[in-house]
């Protein structure tokens, strides 16, 4: 059974891109036409590489749900290609990050380190404790960062050639300037998106 479309998906499967089918079905029930759904898919496919986008657009007459399934498959392929070599290594999330995406990364990588601001001056946020059994190691001090970081992932707003990021990311990159870096796109700016860094040098991880 395809777990992407099961009746009771896990949290990350209710969000884009993995929840795209159910989102489009809901929009269709609300009156969206096939043309409307195709426009949404076109918008999302622009975030993929040109080769991958071309695969989705090869059949212009394809039904929206068929194109959506191709888009999900392309996103999964890209994500797996990026994450598989990182499994079992010290991947760091820099700053705040949606919990459903942390759970997805934990299920894919086995463990993740999150560098997060202290909560009200009393250590890390509650999800540090809740997700620790799944493999999350939460830290609030750069001095506790593992020496052998394999990659950093940040949840950021993409604004042209710039990223709006947590101020913890520049702090980490200053200390570890050569680590591979990946970005998951945020669809709106949050209070922690306080710093601007160049998009150049980051690889998009299509999880949202």
Protein backbone atom coordinates (compact mmCIF):
# COMPACT_ATOMS: atom_id res chain seq x y z
CA UNK A 1 0.00 0.00 0.00
CA UNK A 2 1.32 3.47 -0.86
CA UNK A 3 1.82 5.12 2.53
CA UNK A 4 1.59 8.59 0.97
CA UNK A 5 -2.12 8.11 0.36
CA UNK A 6 -3.17 5.99 3.33
CA UNK A 7 -6.36 7.07 5.19
CA UNK A 8 -4.57 8.14 8.38
CA UNK A 9 -1.28 9.68 7.31
CA UNK A 10 1.44 10.65 9.75
CA UNK A 11 1.80 14.40 10.47
CA UNK A 12 4.39 15.15 7.77
CA UNK A 13 2.15 13.46 5.19
CA UNK A 14 -0.62 15.99 5.80
CA UNK A 15 1.63 18.81 4.56
CA UNK A 16 3.13 19.74 1.21
CA UNK A 17 4.44 18.08 -0.82
CA UNK A 18 3.41 14.72 0.68
CA UNK A 19 -0.17 15.78 1.40
CA UNK A 20 -0.67 17.33 -2.03
CA UNK A 21 -3.23 14.77 -3.21
CA UNK A 22 -5.54 15.29 -0.24
CA UNK A 23 -5.09 19.08 -0.44
CA UNK A 24 -6.05 19.12 -4.13
CA UNK A 25 -9.02 16.84 -3.48
CA UNK A 26 -10.24 19.21 -0.77
CA UNK A 27 -9.83 22.19 -3.10
CA UNK A 28 -11.79 20.37 -5.82
CA UNK A 29 -14.64 19.76 -3.34
CA UNK A 30 -14.58 23.50 -2.67
CA UNK A 31 -15.07 24.30 -6.36
CA UNK A 32 -11.57 24.44 -7.86
CA UNK A 33 -11.36 23.48 -11.54
CA UNK A 34 -8.73 21.26 -13.15
CA UNK A 35 -7.11 24.45 -14.49
CA UNK A 36 -6.88 25.81 -10.93
CA UNK A 37 -5.26 22.59 -9.72
CA UNK A 38 -2.80 22.57 -12.63
CA UNK A 39 -1.72 26.12 -11.71
CA UNK A 40 -0.98 25.01 -8.14
CA UNK A 41 1.08 22.08 -9.40
CA UNK A 42 2.93 24.39 -11.82
CA UNK A 43 3.78 26.73 -8.96
CA UNK A 44 5.09 23.89 -6.78
CA UNK A 45 7.08 22.29 -9.60
CA UNK A 46 9.10 25.48 -10.10
CA UNK A 47 10.91 24.62 -6.87
CA UNK A 48 12.34 21.43 -8.38
CA UNK A 49 15.28 21.15 -10.74
CA UNK A 50 14.52 21.84 -14.43
CA UNK A 51 15.02 18.17 -15.35
CA UNK A 52 12.56 17.04 -12.68
CA UNK A 53 10.01 19.71 -13.62
CA UNK A 54 10.21 18.58 -17.24
CA UNK A 55 9.31 15.04 -16.19
CA UNK A 56 6.15 16.34 -14.53
CA UNK A 57 5.22 18.41 -17.60
CA UNK A 58 5.87 15.78 -20.27
CA UNK A 59 2.15 15.01 -20.58
CA UNK A 60 0.31 18.31 -20.76
CA UNK A 61 -3.04 16.52 -20.90
CA UNK A 62 -2.43 14.53 -17.71
CA UNK A 63 -5.08 14.80 -15.01
CA UNK A 64 -4.12 17.00 -12.05
CA UNK A 65 -3.95 14.06 -9.64
CA UNK A 66 -1.60 12.19 -11.97
CA UNK A 67 0.69 15.23 -12.19
CA UNK A 68 0.47 15.65 -8.41
CA UNK A 69 1.55 12.03 -7.92
CA UNK A 70 4.52 12.64 -10.25
CA UNK A 71 5.42 15.75 -8.25
CA UNK A 72 5.33 13.85 -4.96
CA UNK A 73 7.46 11.09 -6.46
CA UNK A 74 9.98 13.64 -7.75
CA UNK A 75 10.17 15.35 -4.35
CA UNK A 76 10.67 12.03 -2.58
CA UNK A 77 13.39 11.05 -5.03
CA UNK A 78 15.23 14.33 -4.45
CA UNK A 79 14.85 14.11 -0.67
CA UNK A 80 16.04 10.50 -0.55
CA UNK A 81 19.01 11.29 -2.78
CA UNK A 82 20.07 14.02 -0.35
CA UNK A 83 19.30 12.31 2.97
CA UNK A 84 20.42 8.71 2.33
CA UNK A 85 24.17 9.51 2.42
CA UNK A 86 23.62 11.47 5.65
CA UNK A 87 21.94 8.66 7.58
CA UNK A 88 23.72 7.87 10.84
CA UNK A 89 25.75 11.09 10.79
CA UNK A 90 25.45 14.32 12.81
CA UNK A 91 22.98 16.42 10.82
CA UNK A 92 22.17 19.72 12.53
CA UNK A 93 18.95 21.70 12.33
CA UNK A 94 19.81 25.36 12.92
CA UNK A 95 17.04 27.30 14.66
CA UNK A 96 13.30 26.69 14.93
CA UNK A 97 11.84 23.99 12.70
CA UNK A 98 8.29 22.62 12.16
CA UNK A 99 7.82 19.57 14.42
CA UNK A 100 6.31 17.43 11.64
CA UNK A 101 9.45 18.00 9.57
CA UNK A 102 11.70 17.12 12.50
CA UNK A 103 9.78 13.85 12.79
CA UNK A 104 10.26 13.20 9.08
CA UNK A 105 14.01 13.85 9.34
CA UNK A 106 14.24 11.58 12.36
CA UNK A 107 12.45 8.79 10.49
CA UNK A 108 14.79 9.24 7.53
CA UNK A 109 18.10 9.81 9.30
CA UNK A 110 17.71 7.96 12.60
CA UNK A 111 18.90 10.92 14.65
CA UNK A 112 19.16 14.71 14.36
CA UNK A 113 20.80 17.48 16.40
CA UNK A 114 18.77 20.68 16.79
CA UNK A 115 20.49 23.94 17.74
CA UNK A 116 17.64 25.94 19.26
CA UNK A 117 17.35 29.12 21.38
CA UNK A 118 16.75 28.51 25.10
CA UNK A 119 13.11 28.64 26.12
CA UNK A 120 12.54 31.48 28.58
CA UNK A 121 16.07 30.98 29.87
CA UNK A 122 15.34 27.49 31.21
CA UNK A 123 16.89 25.16 28.65
CA UNK A 124 15.33 23.81 25.47
CA UNK A 125 11.71 23.71 24.31
CA UNK A 126 9.33 20.86 25.27
CA UNK A 127 9.79 19.00 21.98
CA UNK A 128 13.42 18.31 22.95
CA UNK A 129 12.06 15.97 25.59
CA UNK A 130 9.14 14.64 23.53
CA UNK A 131 11.25 13.72 20.50
CA UNK A 132 14.34 12.51 22.33
CA UNK A 133 13.14 8.85 22.24
CA UNK A 134 12.94 9.16 18.43
CA UNK A 135 16.54 10.32 18.17
CA UNK A 136 16.46 14.10 18.62
CA UNK A 137 19.38 15.62 20.52
CA UNK A 138 18.57 19.21 21.43
CA UNK A 139 21.24 21.77 22.30
CA UNK A 140 21.03 25.47 23.17
CA UNK A 141 24.74 26.25 23.39
CA UNK A 142 27.13 26.25 20.44
CA UNK A 143 29.81 24.75 22.69
CA UNK A 144 27.75 21.55 22.86
CA UNK A 145 27.82 21.15 19.07
CA UNK A 146 29.32 17.83 17.87
CA UNK A 147 32.71 18.14 16.22
CA UNK A 148 31.83 15.94 13.25
CA UNK A 149 28.84 17.76 11.69
CA UNK A 150 27.96 16.30 8.30
CA UNK A 151 25.38 18.92 7.21
CA UNK A 152 23.15 21.75 8.43
CA UNK A 153 19.47 22.16 7.53
CA UNK A 154 17.56 25.40 8.02
CA UNK A 155 13.89 26.36 7.66
CA UNK A 156 14.02 29.68 5.81
CA UNK A 157 12.08 32.13 3.69
CA UNK A 158 13.52 32.24 0.15
CA UNK A 159 13.56 35.84 -1.07
CA UNK A 160 15.24 35.91 -4.47
CA UNK A 161 18.96 35.43 -3.93
CA UNK A 162 18.63 35.74 -0.15
CA UNK A 163 17.37 33.57 2.70
CA UNK A 164 15.65 34.87 5.82
CA UNK A 165 16.93 32.62 8.60
CA UNK A 166 17.27 32.18 12.33
CA UNK A 167 20.20 34.17 13.75
CA UNK A 168 21.57 30.85 14.99
CA UNK A 169 22.49 29.84 11.43
CA UNK A 170 25.11 32.59 10.85
CA UNK A 171 26.51 31.79 14.28
CA UNK A 172 26.90 28.14 13.32
CA UNK A 173 28.29 28.89 9.86
CA UNK A 174 30.85 31.25 11.31
CA UNK A 175 32.11 28.43 13.52
CA UNK A 176 31.79 25.73 10.80
CA UNK A 177 32.03 27.57 7.44
CA UNK A 178 32.64 24.55 5.23
CA UNK A 179 29.74 22.26 6.19
CA UNK A 180 27.21 21.32 3.47
CA UNK A 181 24.01 23.29 3.87
CA UNK A 182 20.39 22.62 2.92
CA UNK A 183 17.24 24.73 3.10
CA UNK A 184 13.59 23.79 3.58
CA UNK A 185 11.43 26.62 2.30
CA UNK A 186 9.13 28.38 4.77
CA UNK A 187 6.02 29.85 3.17
CA UNK A 188 5.83 32.86 5.45
CA UNK A 189 8.23 34.78 7.67
CA UNK A 190 8.16 33.98 11.38
CA UNK A 191 9.57 36.09 14.24
CA UNK A 192 12.78 34.04 14.26
CA UNK A 193 13.51 34.84 10.59
CA UNK A 194 15.64 37.81 11.63
CA UNK A 195 18.81 37.37 9.59
CA UNK A 196 19.66 37.44 5.88
CA UNK A 197 22.21 35.16 4.24
CA UNK A 198 22.95 34.46 0.55
CA UNK A 199 20.94 31.61 -0.98
CA UNK A 200 24.05 30.64 -2.96
CA UNK A 201 25.71 27.56 -1.49
CA UNK A 202 22.43 26.04 -0.21
CA UNK A 203 20.63 23.06 -1.74
CA UNK A 204 16.83 23.03 -1.62
CA UNK A 205 15.31 20.12 0.30
CA UNK A 206 11.70 19.98 -1.05
CA UNK A 207 9.83 19.10 2.13
CA UNK A 208 7.32 21.96 2.24
